Amino acid sequence: MKRAMRISAAIGLAAALTGVAATLTADQSPQVVQIRDDCDPATFNAGPPDGPGLGVICVGNGDTTFGEFVADVIAQRSSDHWRFNPDRMSEPRPIVAQNRGGETHTFTRVAEFADGSIAPPLENLLTNPGEDPPTIAPECIADATGPQKTFVPSGGTRSVDDVKGGDKFQCCIHPWMRTSVRKR
């Protein structure tokens, strides 16, 4: 009987320690944020009237044409296929942002989300006729004029180690692409 109790206690202790080890490993592993878009390279890289005429801006294999993207942005000030996934994280831990889309994006920590874009053609689409342009986050302006450490090319990654509860990240080019870390 004593031997059975010792074996049960040992199994219980081993299970508890395994749970603690799994928790420590999960807490220390980075949160992966996927940067996604669906750009169609044939139209995104084309000149007017089919594309923006900016050269090669899409190296992906998406299905959303430039015309569809423009129509979405005009109608809803965003495009559903351009997003950060997940758009909310439950705990602060290191982040690895992986660009799985075809365009370059930024993964920029901002104090507050803003609706303006550092890309003038997109900023023009986000501006309602007769209104002032949307505000661009100050951190995004610094990105556009500074060392550009938050730009993530297609297939690239960006790591952020010093993540705190309440942190906010957005793409400065496509400002509706956002994610945040829940405050505890």
N, C-alpha and C. Protein backbone atom coordinates (compact mmCIF):
# COMPACT_ATOMS: atom_id res chain seq x y z
N MET A 1 0.82 -1.19 0.00
CA MET A 1 0.00 0.00 0.00
C MET A 1 0.87 1.26 0.00
N LYS A 2 1.93 1.28 0.87
CA LYS A 2 2.81 2.43 0.92
C LYS A 2 3.53 2.62 -0.41
N ARG A 3 3.89 1.48 -1.02
CA ARG A 3 4.58 1.57 -2.30
C ARG A 3 3.65 2.17 -3.35
N ALA A 4 2.40 1.80 -3.38
CA ALA A 4 1.42 2.33 -4.33
C ALA A 4 1.24 3.83 -4.12
N MET A 5 1.23 4.27 -2.85
CA MET A 5 1.08 5.70 -2.55
C MET A 5 2.32 6.46 -3.03
N ARG A 6 3.51 5.88 -2.82
CA ARG A 6 4.73 6.56 -3.28
C ARG A 6 4.76 6.66 -4.80
N ILE A 7 4.33 5.59 -5.48
CA ILE A 7 4.30 5.62 -6.95
C ILE A 7 3.29 6.68 -7.41
N SER A 8 2.12 6.73 -6.78
CA SER A 8 1.12 7.75 -7.13
C SER A 8 1.66 9.15 -6.90
N ALA A 9 2.32 9.35 -5.77
CA ALA A 9 2.90 10.66 -5.47
C ALA A 9 3.97 11.02 -6.49
N ALA A 10 4.80 10.06 -6.86
CA ALA A 10 5.86 10.31 -7.84
C ALA A 10 5.26 10.66 -9.20
N ILE A 11 4.22 9.94 -9.59
CA ILE A 11 3.55 10.23 -10.88
C ILE A 11 2.92 11.62 -10.83
N GLY A 12 2.28 11.95 -9.73
CA GLY A 12 1.68 13.28 -9.58
C GLY A 12 2.71 14.39 -9.64
N LEU A 13 3.84 14.19 -8.95
CA LEU A 13 4.91 15.18 -8.96
C LEU A 13 5.49 15.32 -10.36
N ALA A 14 5.70 14.22 -11.06
CA ALA A 14 6.23 14.26 -12.42
C ALA A 14 5.26 15.01 -13.34
N ALA A 15 3.98 14.76 -13.20
CA ALA A 15 2.98 15.46 -14.03
C ALA A 15 2.99 16.95 -13.74
N ALA A 16 3.07 17.30 -12.46
CA ALA A 16 3.09 18.72 -12.08
C ALA A 16 4.33 19.41 -12.63
N LEU A 17 5.49 18.76 -12.52
CA LEU A 17 6.72 19.36 -13.04
C LEU A 17 6.69 19.47 -14.55
N THR A 18 6.09 18.49 -15.22
CA THR A 18 5.95 18.57 -16.68
C THR A 18 5.07 19.76 -17.04
N GLY A 19 4.00 19.98 -16.31
CA GLY A 19 3.13 21.13 -16.55
C GLY A 19 3.85 22.45 -16.35
N VAL A 20 4.67 22.54 -15.29
CA VAL A 20 5.44 23.75 -15.03
C VAL A 20 6.45 23.97 -16.15
N ALA A 21 7.14 22.92 -16.58
CA ALA A 21 8.11 23.05 -17.66
C ALA A 21 7.44 23.49 -18.94
N ALA A 22 6.27 22.92 -19.25
CA ALA A 22 5.54 23.32 -20.46
C ALA A 22 5.12 24.77 -20.39
N THR A 23 4.69 25.22 -19.20
CA THR A 23 4.30 26.62 -19.03
C THR A 23 5.49 27.54 -19.21
N LEU A 24 6.63 27.19 -18.61
CA LEU A 24 7.83 28.01 -18.76
C LEU A 24 8.25 28.09 -20.22
N THR A 25 8.22 26.96 -20.93
CA THR A 25 8.61 26.95 -22.33
C THR A 25 7.65 27.80 -23.15
N ALA A 26 6.34 27.68 -22.92
CA ALA A 26 5.37 28.45 -23.68
C ALA A 26 5.52 29.94 -23.40
N ASP A 27 5.75 30.31 -22.13
CA ASP A 27 5.88 31.72 -21.78
C ASP A 27 7.13 32.34 -22.40
N GLN A 28 8.18 31.55 -22.59
CA GLN A 28 9.43 32.07 -23.12
C GLN A 28 9.47 32.07 -24.64
N SER A 29 8.62 31.27 -25.26
CA SER A 29 8.64 31.21 -26.72
C SER A 29 7.98 32.46 -27.29
N PRO A 30 8.47 32.93 -28.43
CA PRO A 30 7.90 34.15 -29.00
C PRO A 30 6.51 33.92 -29.58
N GLN A 31 5.72 34.97 -29.54
CA GLN A 31 4.42 35.00 -30.21
C GLN A 31 4.69 35.30 -31.68
N VAL A 32 4.17 34.49 -32.58
CA VAL A 32 4.34 34.74 -34.01
C VAL A 32 3.15 35.55 -34.50
N VAL A 33 3.45 36.67 -35.16
CA VAL A 33 2.42 37.48 -35.79
C VAL A 33 2.66 37.38 -37.30
N GLN A 34 1.66 36.90 -38.00
CA GLN A 34 1.77 36.79 -39.45
C GLN A 34 1.32 38.10 -40.08
N ILE A 35 2.16 38.64 -40.96
CA ILE A 35 1.84 39.82 -41.73
C ILE A 35 1.32 39.30 -43.07
N ARG A 36 0.08 39.64 -43.40
CA ARG A 36 -0.54 39.04 -44.58
C ARG A 36 -1.05 40.11 -45.55
N ASP A 37 -0.94 39.78 -46.82
CA ASP A 37 -1.64 40.54 -47.85
C ASP A 37 -1.96 39.57 -48.98
N ASP A 38 -2.67 40.03 -49.97
CA ASP A 38 -3.11 39.16 -51.07
C ASP A 38 -2.87 39.84 -52.41
N CYS A 39 -1.76 40.57 -52.54
CA CYS A 39 -1.53 41.34 -53.77
C CYS A 39 -1.30 40.44 -54.98
N ASP A 40 -1.94 40.81 -56.08
CA ASP A 40 -1.76 40.15 -57.36
C ASP A 40 -0.61 40.85 -58.08
N PRO A 41 0.52 40.16 -58.29
CA PRO A 41 1.69 40.85 -58.85
C PRO A 41 1.46 41.43 -60.25
N ALA A 42 0.63 40.80 -61.06
CA ALA A 42 0.42 41.29 -62.42
C ALA A 42 -0.15 42.70 -62.41
N THR A 43 -1.09 42.98 -61.50
CA THR A 43 -1.70 44.31 -61.49
C THR A 43 -1.00 45.26 -60.53
N PHE A 44 -0.50 44.79 -59.42
CA PHE A 44 0.20 45.67 -58.47
C PHE A 44 1.51 46.19 -59.06
N ASN A 45 2.11 45.46 -59.97
CA ASN A 45 3.38 45.87 -60.58
C ASN A 45 3.18 46.56 -61.93
N ALA A 46 1.93 46.68 -62.36
CA ALA A 46 1.63 47.27 -63.67
C ALA A 46 1.55 48.79 -63.58
N GLY A 47 1.67 49.41 -64.74
CA GLY A 47 1.46 50.85 -64.84
C GLY A 47 -0.03 51.15 -64.99
N PRO A 48 -0.39 52.43 -64.88
CA PRO A 48 -1.80 52.82 -65.06
C PRO A 48 -2.30 52.40 -66.45
N PRO A 49 -3.52 52.05 -66.63
CA PRO A 49 -4.62 52.17 -65.67
C PRO A 49 -4.81 50.94 -64.78
N ASP A 50 -4.07 49.85 -65.05
CA ASP A 50 -4.28 48.62 -64.28
C ASP A 50 -3.61 48.61 -62.92
N GLY A 51 -2.50 49.35 -62.78
CA GLY A 51 -1.74 49.34 -61.54
C GLY A 51 -1.25 50.72 -61.17
N PRO A 52 -0.50 50.81 -60.08
CA PRO A 52 -0.07 52.12 -59.59
C PRO A 52 1.11 52.72 -60.35
N GLY A 53 1.84 51.90 -61.11
CA GLY A 53 2.98 52.43 -61.84
C GLY A 53 4.18 52.75 -60.95
N LEU A 54 4.35 52.00 -59.88
CA LEU A 54 5.44 52.25 -58.93
C LEU A 54 6.58 51.25 -59.08
N GLY A 55 6.55 50.43 -60.11
CA GLY A 55 7.57 49.40 -60.27
C GLY A 55 7.13 48.12 -59.57
N VAL A 56 8.10 47.32 -59.17
CA VAL A 56 7.79 46.03 -58.53
C VAL A 56 7.53 46.29 -57.04
N ILE A 57 6.27 46.22 -56.66
CA ILE A 57 5.90 46.39 -55.25
C ILE A 57 5.29 45.13 -54.67
N CYS A 58 5.02 44.13 -55.53
CA CYS A 58 4.42 42.87 -55.07
C CYS A 58 5.19 41.72 -55.67
N VAL A 59 5.73 40.87 -54.79
CA VAL A 59 6.45 39.67 -55.25
C VAL A 59 5.71 38.41 -54.83
N GLY A 60 4.47 38.56 -54.38
CA GLY A 60 3.69 37.42 -53.90
C GLY A 60 2.93 36.75 -55.03
N ASN A 61 1.99 35.93 -54.64
CA ASN A 61 1.16 35.22 -55.61
C ASN A 61 -0.31 35.34 -55.22
N GLY A 62 -0.70 36.52 -54.77
CA GLY A 62 -2.07 36.74 -54.33
C GLY A 62 -3.05 36.88 -55.48
N ASP A 63 -4.32 36.99 -55.10
CA ASP A 63 -5.41 37.05 -56.08
C ASP A 63 -6.13 38.38 -56.12
N THR A 64 -5.85 39.29 -55.19
CA THR A 64 -6.56 40.57 -55.16
C THR A 64 -5.88 41.52 -56.14
N THR A 65 -6.65 41.96 -57.14
CA THR A 65 -6.08 42.88 -58.12
C THR A 65 -5.93 44.26 -57.49
N PHE A 66 -5.11 45.08 -58.10
CA PHE A 66 -4.92 46.43 -57.61
C PHE A 66 -6.25 47.19 -57.63
N GLY A 67 -7.04 47.02 -58.66
CA GLY A 67 -8.35 47.68 -58.74
C GLY A 67 -9.27 47.26 -57.60
N GLU A 68 -9.28 45.97 -57.25
CA GLU A 68 -10.10 45.50 -56.13
C GLU A 68 -9.61 46.08 -54.81
N PHE A 69 -8.28 46.14 -54.65
CA PHE A 69 -7.69 46.71 -53.45
C PHE A 69 -8.11 48.19 -53.31
N VAL A 70 -7.99 48.95 -54.38
CA VAL A 70 -8.36 50.37 -54.36
C VAL A 70 -9.84 50.53 -54.02
N ALA A 71 -10.69 49.71 -54.63
CA ALA A 71 -12.13 49.78 -54.35
C ALA A 71 -12.42 49.50 -52.87
N ASP A 72 -11.76 48.50 -52.30
CA ASP A 72 -11.93 48.19 -50.87
C ASP A 72 -11.51 49.37 -50.00
N VAL A 73 -10.33 49.93 -50.28
CA VAL A 73 -9.81 51.02 -49.45
C VAL A 73 -10.73 52.24 -49.54
N ILE A 74 -11.23 52.55 -50.72
CA ILE A 74 -12.14 53.69 -50.86
C ILE A 74 -13.45 53.43 -50.11
N ALA A 75 -13.97 52.21 -50.21
CA ALA A 75 -15.26 51.88 -49.59
C ALA A 75 -15.19 51.74 -48.07
N GLN A 76 -14.13 51.13 -47.56
CA GLN A 76 -14.11 50.82 -46.13
C GLN A 76 -12.87 51.29 -45.39
N ARG A 77 -11.99 52.02 -46.06
CA ARG A 77 -10.74 52.53 -45.48
C ARG A 77 -9.82 51.40 -45.02
N SER A 78 -9.96 50.24 -45.65
CA SER A 78 -9.12 49.09 -45.36
C SER A 78 -9.34 48.03 -46.44
N SER A 79 -8.58 46.96 -46.37
CA SER A 79 -8.80 45.79 -47.22
C SER A 79 -8.65 44.57 -46.33
N ASP A 80 -9.65 43.73 -46.32
CA ASP A 80 -9.69 42.58 -45.41
C ASP A 80 -8.52 41.61 -45.59
N HIS A 81 -7.94 41.56 -46.77
CA HIS A 81 -6.85 40.62 -47.03
C HIS A 81 -5.49 41.17 -46.59
N TRP A 82 -5.43 42.41 -46.12
CA TRP A 82 -4.20 43.02 -45.60
C TRP A 82 -4.40 43.11 -44.09
N ARG A 83 -3.66 42.26 -43.33
CA ARG A 83 -3.91 42.20 -41.88
C ARG A 83 -2.72 41.59 -41.14
N PHE A 84 -2.72 41.83 -39.83
CA PHE A 84 -1.84 41.12 -38.91
C PHE A 84 -2.67 40.02 -38.27
N ASN A 85 -2.08 38.85 -38.15
CA ASN A 85 -2.79 37.73 -37.55
C ASN A 85 -1.88 37.10 -36.50
N PRO A 86 -2.26 37.14 -35.21
CA PRO A 86 -3.52 37.62 -34.66
C PRO A 86 -3.54 39.14 -34.53
N ASP A 87 -4.76 39.66 -34.37
CA ASP A 87 -4.89 41.11 -34.20
C ASP A 87 -4.91 41.51 -32.73
N ARG A 88 -4.84 40.53 -31.84
CA ARG A 88 -4.75 40.80 -30.40
C ARG A 88 -4.02 39.63 -29.75
N MET A 89 -3.12 39.97 -28.82
CA MET A 89 -2.38 38.95 -28.09
C MET A 89 -2.73 39.06 -26.61
N SER A 90 -2.80 37.92 -25.95
CA SER A 90 -3.28 37.91 -24.57
C SER A 90 -2.20 38.16 -23.53
N GLU A 91 -0.94 37.98 -23.89
CA GLU A 91 0.11 38.17 -22.88
C GLU A 91 1.35 38.78 -23.50
N PRO A 92 2.05 39.60 -22.73
CA PRO A 92 3.29 40.17 -23.25
C PRO A 92 4.41 39.13 -23.27
N ARG A 93 4.97 38.93 -24.42
CA ARG A 93 6.15 38.09 -24.59
C ARG A 93 6.80 38.48 -25.91
N PRO A 94 8.01 38.06 -26.17
CA PRO A 94 8.66 38.44 -27.42
C PRO A 94 7.79 38.11 -28.64
N ILE A 95 7.94 38.92 -29.68
CA ILE A 95 7.16 38.75 -30.91
C ILE A 95 8.12 38.55 -32.07
N VAL A 96 7.75 37.64 -32.96
CA VAL A 96 8.40 37.51 -34.25
C VAL A 96 7.33 37.77 -35.30
N ALA A 97 7.48 38.88 -36.02
CA ALA A 97 6.54 39.21 -37.09
C ALA A 97 7.09 38.62 -38.39
N GLN A 98 6.30 37.77 -39.05
CA GLN A 98 6.71 37.10 -40.28
C GLN A 98 5.87 37.63 -41.43
N ASN A 99 6.52 38.20 -42.45
CA ASN A 99 5.79 38.70 -43.60
C ASN A 99 5.52 37.57 -44.57
N ARG A 100 4.26 37.12 -44.60
CA ARG A 100 3.85 36.04 -45.49
C ARG A 100 3.15 36.58 -46.71
N GLY A 101 3.13 37.91 -46.86
CA GLY A 101 2.50 38.54 -48.01
C GLY A 101 3.51 38.82 -49.10
N GLY A 102 3.06 39.52 -50.12
CA GLY A 102 3.90 39.83 -51.26
C GLY A 102 4.46 41.23 -51.27
N GLU A 103 4.00 42.09 -50.36
CA GLU A 103 4.46 43.47 -50.30
C GLU A 103 5.33 43.68 -49.06
N THR A 104 6.09 44.77 -49.07
CA THR A 104 6.81 45.19 -47.87
C THR A 104 5.81 45.88 -46.95
N HIS A 105 5.93 45.61 -45.66
CA HIS A 105 5.08 46.23 -44.64
C HIS A 105 5.99 46.75 -43.53
N THR A 106 5.41 47.48 -42.59
CA THR A 106 6.16 47.77 -41.38
C THR A 106 5.47 47.06 -40.23
N PHE A 107 6.23 46.80 -39.19
CA PHE A 107 5.70 46.28 -37.93
C PHE A 107 6.23 47.24 -36.88
N THR A 108 5.47 48.32 -36.67
CA THR A 108 5.92 49.47 -35.91
C THR A 108 5.15 49.60 -34.60
N ARG A 109 5.88 49.72 -33.50
CA ARG A 109 5.24 49.97 -32.20
C ARG A 109 4.80 51.44 -32.18
N VAL A 110 3.54 51.68 -31.87
CA VAL A 110 2.99 53.04 -31.81
C VAL A 110 2.35 53.27 -30.45
N ALA A 111 2.34 54.52 -30.01
CA ALA A 111 1.67 54.85 -28.75
C ALA A 111 0.16 54.72 -28.92
N GLU A 112 -0.34 55.19 -30.05
CA GLU A 112 -1.77 55.10 -30.38
C GLU A 112 -1.91 54.78 -31.85
N PHE A 113 -2.92 53.98 -32.18
CA PHE A 113 -3.19 53.69 -33.59
C PHE A 113 -3.61 54.98 -34.29
N ALA A 114 -3.23 55.12 -35.54
CA ALA A 114 -3.63 56.26 -36.36
C ALA A 114 -4.04 55.74 -37.73
N ASP A 115 -4.80 56.53 -38.46
CA ASP A 115 -5.37 56.08 -39.72
C ASP A 115 -4.62 56.53 -40.97
N GLY A 116 -3.56 57.32 -40.82
CA GLY A 116 -2.82 57.83 -41.97
C GLY A 116 -1.72 56.89 -42.41
N SER A 117 -1.34 57.00 -43.70
CA SER A 117 -0.31 56.16 -44.30
C SER A 117 0.90 56.99 -44.69
N ILE A 118 2.10 56.40 -44.57
CA ILE A 118 3.31 57.08 -45.00
C ILE A 118 3.51 56.96 -46.51
N ALA A 119 2.67 56.18 -47.19
CA ALA A 119 2.75 56.02 -48.65
C ALA A 119 1.77 57.01 -49.29
N PRO A 120 2.28 58.07 -49.93
CA PRO A 120 1.38 59.11 -50.46
C PRO A 120 0.23 58.60 -51.33
N PRO A 121 0.44 57.63 -52.26
CA PRO A 121 -0.72 57.19 -53.05
C PRO A 121 -1.82 56.56 -52.18
N LEU A 122 -1.42 55.80 -51.18
CA LEU A 122 -2.42 55.19 -50.29
C LEU A 122 -3.04 56.24 -49.39
N GLU A 123 -2.24 57.19 -48.93
CA GLU A 123 -2.76 58.29 -48.10
C GLU A 123 -3.85 59.04 -48.86
N ASN A 124 -3.65 59.24 -50.17
CA ASN A 124 -4.67 59.91 -50.98
C ASN A 124 -5.97 59.12 -51.01
N LEU A 125 -5.87 57.79 -51.08
CA LEU A 125 -7.09 56.96 -51.07
C LEU A 125 -7.80 57.01 -49.72
N LEU A 126 -7.05 57.17 -48.65
CA LEU A 126 -7.63 57.20 -47.30
C LEU A 126 -8.22 58.55 -46.93
N THR A 127 -7.99 59.57 -47.76
CA THR A 127 -8.46 60.92 -47.46
C THR A 127 -9.80 61.16 -48.15
N ASN A 128 -10.81 61.51 -47.36
CA ASN A 128 -12.12 61.85 -47.92
C ASN A 128 -12.03 63.20 -48.63
N PRO A 129 -12.69 63.33 -49.78
CA PRO A 129 -12.68 64.62 -50.48
C PRO A 129 -13.17 65.75 -49.57
N GLY A 130 -12.45 66.85 -49.59
CA GLY A 130 -12.83 68.01 -48.79
C GLY A 130 -12.42 67.94 -47.33
N GLU A 131 -11.79 66.86 -46.91
CA GLU A 131 -11.36 66.73 -45.52
C GLU A 131 -9.83 66.72 -45.44
N ASP A 132 -9.33 67.03 -44.26
CA ASP A 132 -7.90 66.93 -44.03
C ASP A 132 -7.49 65.46 -44.06
N PRO A 133 -6.25 65.18 -44.46
CA PRO A 133 -5.80 63.78 -44.45
C PRO A 133 -5.81 63.21 -43.04
N PRO A 134 -5.96 61.88 -42.93
CA PRO A 134 -5.91 61.26 -41.61
C PRO A 134 -4.55 61.48 -40.95
N THR A 135 -4.53 61.41 -39.65
CA THR A 135 -3.29 61.58 -38.88
C THR A 135 -2.40 60.36 -39.06
N ILE A 136 -1.11 60.62 -39.22
CA ILE A 136 -0.12 59.55 -39.29
C ILE A 136 0.55 59.46 -37.92
N ALA A 137 0.68 58.26 -37.40
CA ALA A 137 1.33 58.06 -36.10
C ALA A 137 2.74 58.65 -36.14
N PRO A 138 3.15 59.40 -35.11
CA PRO A 138 4.50 59.98 -35.08
C PRO A 138 5.60 58.94 -35.28
N GLU A 139 5.41 57.75 -34.75
CA GLU A 139 6.41 56.69 -34.90
C GLU A 139 6.54 56.28 -36.37
N CYS A 140 5.45 56.39 -37.11
CA CYS A 140 5.48 56.07 -38.55
C CYS A 140 6.22 57.14 -39.33
N ILE A 141 6.03 58.39 -38.95
CA ILE A 141 6.76 59.48 -39.60
C ILE A 141 8.26 59.30 -39.36
N ALA A 142 8.62 58.93 -38.13
CA ALA A 142 10.02 58.67 -37.82
C ALA A 142 10.54 57.50 -38.65
N ASP A 143 9.71 56.48 -38.87
CA ASP A 143 10.09 55.33 -39.70
C ASP A 143 10.38 55.77 -41.13
N ALA A 144 9.51 56.63 -41.66
CA ALA A 144 9.63 57.05 -43.05
C ALA A 144 10.88 57.91 -43.28
N THR A 145 11.32 58.62 -42.26
CA THR A 145 12.46 59.53 -42.42
C THR A 145 13.72 59.02 -41.73
N GLY A 146 13.59 57.94 -40.95
CA GLY A 146 14.72 57.46 -40.15
C GLY A 146 15.36 56.21 -40.71
N PRO A 147 15.90 55.39 -39.83
CA PRO A 147 16.68 54.23 -40.25
C PRO A 147 15.84 53.07 -40.79
N GLN A 148 14.53 53.17 -40.72
CA GLN A 148 13.63 52.17 -41.28
C GLN A 148 13.87 50.76 -40.73
N LYS A 149 14.00 50.67 -39.45
CA LYS A 149 14.25 49.38 -38.82
C LYS A 149 13.00 48.52 -38.70
N THR A 150 11.83 49.09 -38.93
CA THR A 150 10.61 48.31 -38.74
C THR A 150 10.04 47.80 -40.06
N PHE A 151 10.70 48.08 -41.19
CA PHE A 151 10.22 47.58 -42.48
C PHE A 151 10.53 46.09 -42.58
N VAL A 152 9.53 45.33 -43.06
CA VAL A 152 9.68 43.88 -43.18
C VAL A 152 9.35 43.50 -44.63
N PRO A 153 10.35 43.13 -45.42
CA PRO A 153 10.08 42.76 -46.81
C PRO A 153 9.35 41.43 -46.91
N SER A 154 8.78 41.17 -48.04
CA SER A 154 8.12 39.88 -48.27
C SER A 154 9.07 38.75 -47.93
N GLY A 155 8.62 37.80 -47.12
CA GLY A 155 9.45 36.68 -46.69
C GLY A 155 10.34 36.99 -45.51
N GLY A 156 10.39 38.25 -45.07
CA GLY A 156 11.26 38.65 -43.98
C GLY A 156 10.60 38.54 -42.62
N THR A 157 11.40 38.77 -41.58
CA THR A 157 10.89 38.75 -40.21
C THR A 157 11.44 39.96 -39.45
N ARG A 158 10.76 40.28 -38.37
CA ARG A 158 11.24 41.30 -37.44
C ARG A 158 10.95 40.80 -36.03
N SER A 159 11.94 40.83 -35.16
CA SER A 159 11.78 40.40 -33.78
C SER A 159 11.68 41.61 -32.86
N VAL A 160 10.78 41.51 -31.89
CA VAL A 160 10.62 42.54 -30.86
C VAL A 160 10.67 41.81 -29.53
N ASP A 161 11.70 42.09 -28.73
CA ASP A 161 11.90 41.36 -27.48
C ASP A 161 11.28 42.05 -26.27
N ASP A 162 11.25 43.36 -26.24
CA ASP A 162 10.82 44.10 -25.06
C ASP A 162 9.32 44.45 -25.11
N VAL A 163 8.49 43.43 -25.20
CA VAL A 163 7.04 43.61 -25.35
C VAL A 163 6.40 43.74 -23.97
N LYS A 164 5.51 44.72 -23.84
CA LYS A 164 4.80 44.96 -22.59
C LYS A 164 3.29 44.93 -22.84
N GLY A 165 2.54 44.67 -21.79
CA GLY A 165 1.09 44.75 -21.89
C GLY A 165 0.68 46.15 -22.30
N GLY A 166 -0.25 46.26 -23.22
CA GLY A 166 -0.70 47.55 -23.72
C GLY A 166 0.03 48.01 -24.97
N ASP A 167 1.10 47.30 -25.39
CA ASP A 167 1.81 47.68 -26.61
C ASP A 167 0.89 47.54 -27.82
N LYS A 168 1.10 48.44 -28.79
CA LYS A 168 0.34 48.44 -30.04
C LYS A 168 1.32 48.46 -31.20
N PHE A 169 1.00 47.69 -32.24
CA PHE A 169 1.83 47.64 -33.44
C PHE A 169 0.92 47.83 -34.64
N GLN A 170 1.42 48.58 -35.64
CA GLN A 170 0.65 48.73 -36.86
C GLN A 170 1.59 48.84 -38.05
N CYS A 171 1.04 48.64 -39.22
CA CYS A 171 1.78 48.86 -40.46
C CYS A 171 1.61 50.32 -40.81
N CYS A 172 2.71 51.01 -41.01
CA CYS A 172 2.66 52.45 -41.32
C CYS A 172 2.26 52.71 -42.77
N ILE A 173 2.33 51.69 -43.60
CA ILE A 173 1.90 51.82 -45.00
C ILE A 173 0.40 51.55 -45.10
N HIS A 174 -0.04 50.47 -44.49
CA HIS A 174 -1.45 50.05 -44.50
C HIS A 174 -1.94 50.15 -43.04
N PRO A 175 -2.38 51.32 -42.59
CA PRO A 175 -2.59 51.58 -41.16
C PRO A 175 -3.71 50.78 -40.50
N TRP A 176 -4.53 50.11 -41.24
CA TRP A 176 -5.56 49.26 -40.64
C TRP A 176 -4.98 47.92 -40.20
N MET A 177 -3.76 47.61 -40.61
CA MET A 177 -3.09 46.38 -40.18
C MET A 177 -2.55 46.64 -38.78
N ARG A 178 -3.18 46.00 -37.77
CA ARG A 178 -2.86 46.32 -36.38
C ARG A 178 -2.91 45.07 -35.51
N THR A 179 -2.16 45.13 -34.43
CA THR A 179 -2.27 44.13 -33.38
C THR A 179 -1.90 44.81 -32.06
N SER A 180 -2.41 44.27 -30.97
CA SER A 180 -2.11 44.84 -29.67
C SER A 180 -1.92 43.72 -28.65
N VAL A 181 -1.25 44.08 -27.56
CA VAL A 181 -1.02 43.14 -26.47
C VAL A 181 -1.90 43.57 -25.30
N ARG A 182 -2.68 42.64 -24.80
CA ARG A 182 -3.60 42.96 -23.71
C ARG A 182 -2.85 43.44 -22.49
N LYS A 183 -3.41 44.47 -21.85
CA LYS A 183 -2.84 44.95 -20.59
C LYS A 183 -3.27 44.03 -19.48
N ARG A 184 -2.39 43.77 -18.56
CA ARG A 184 -2.77 42.90 -17.42
C ARG A 184 -3.22 43.74 -16.26
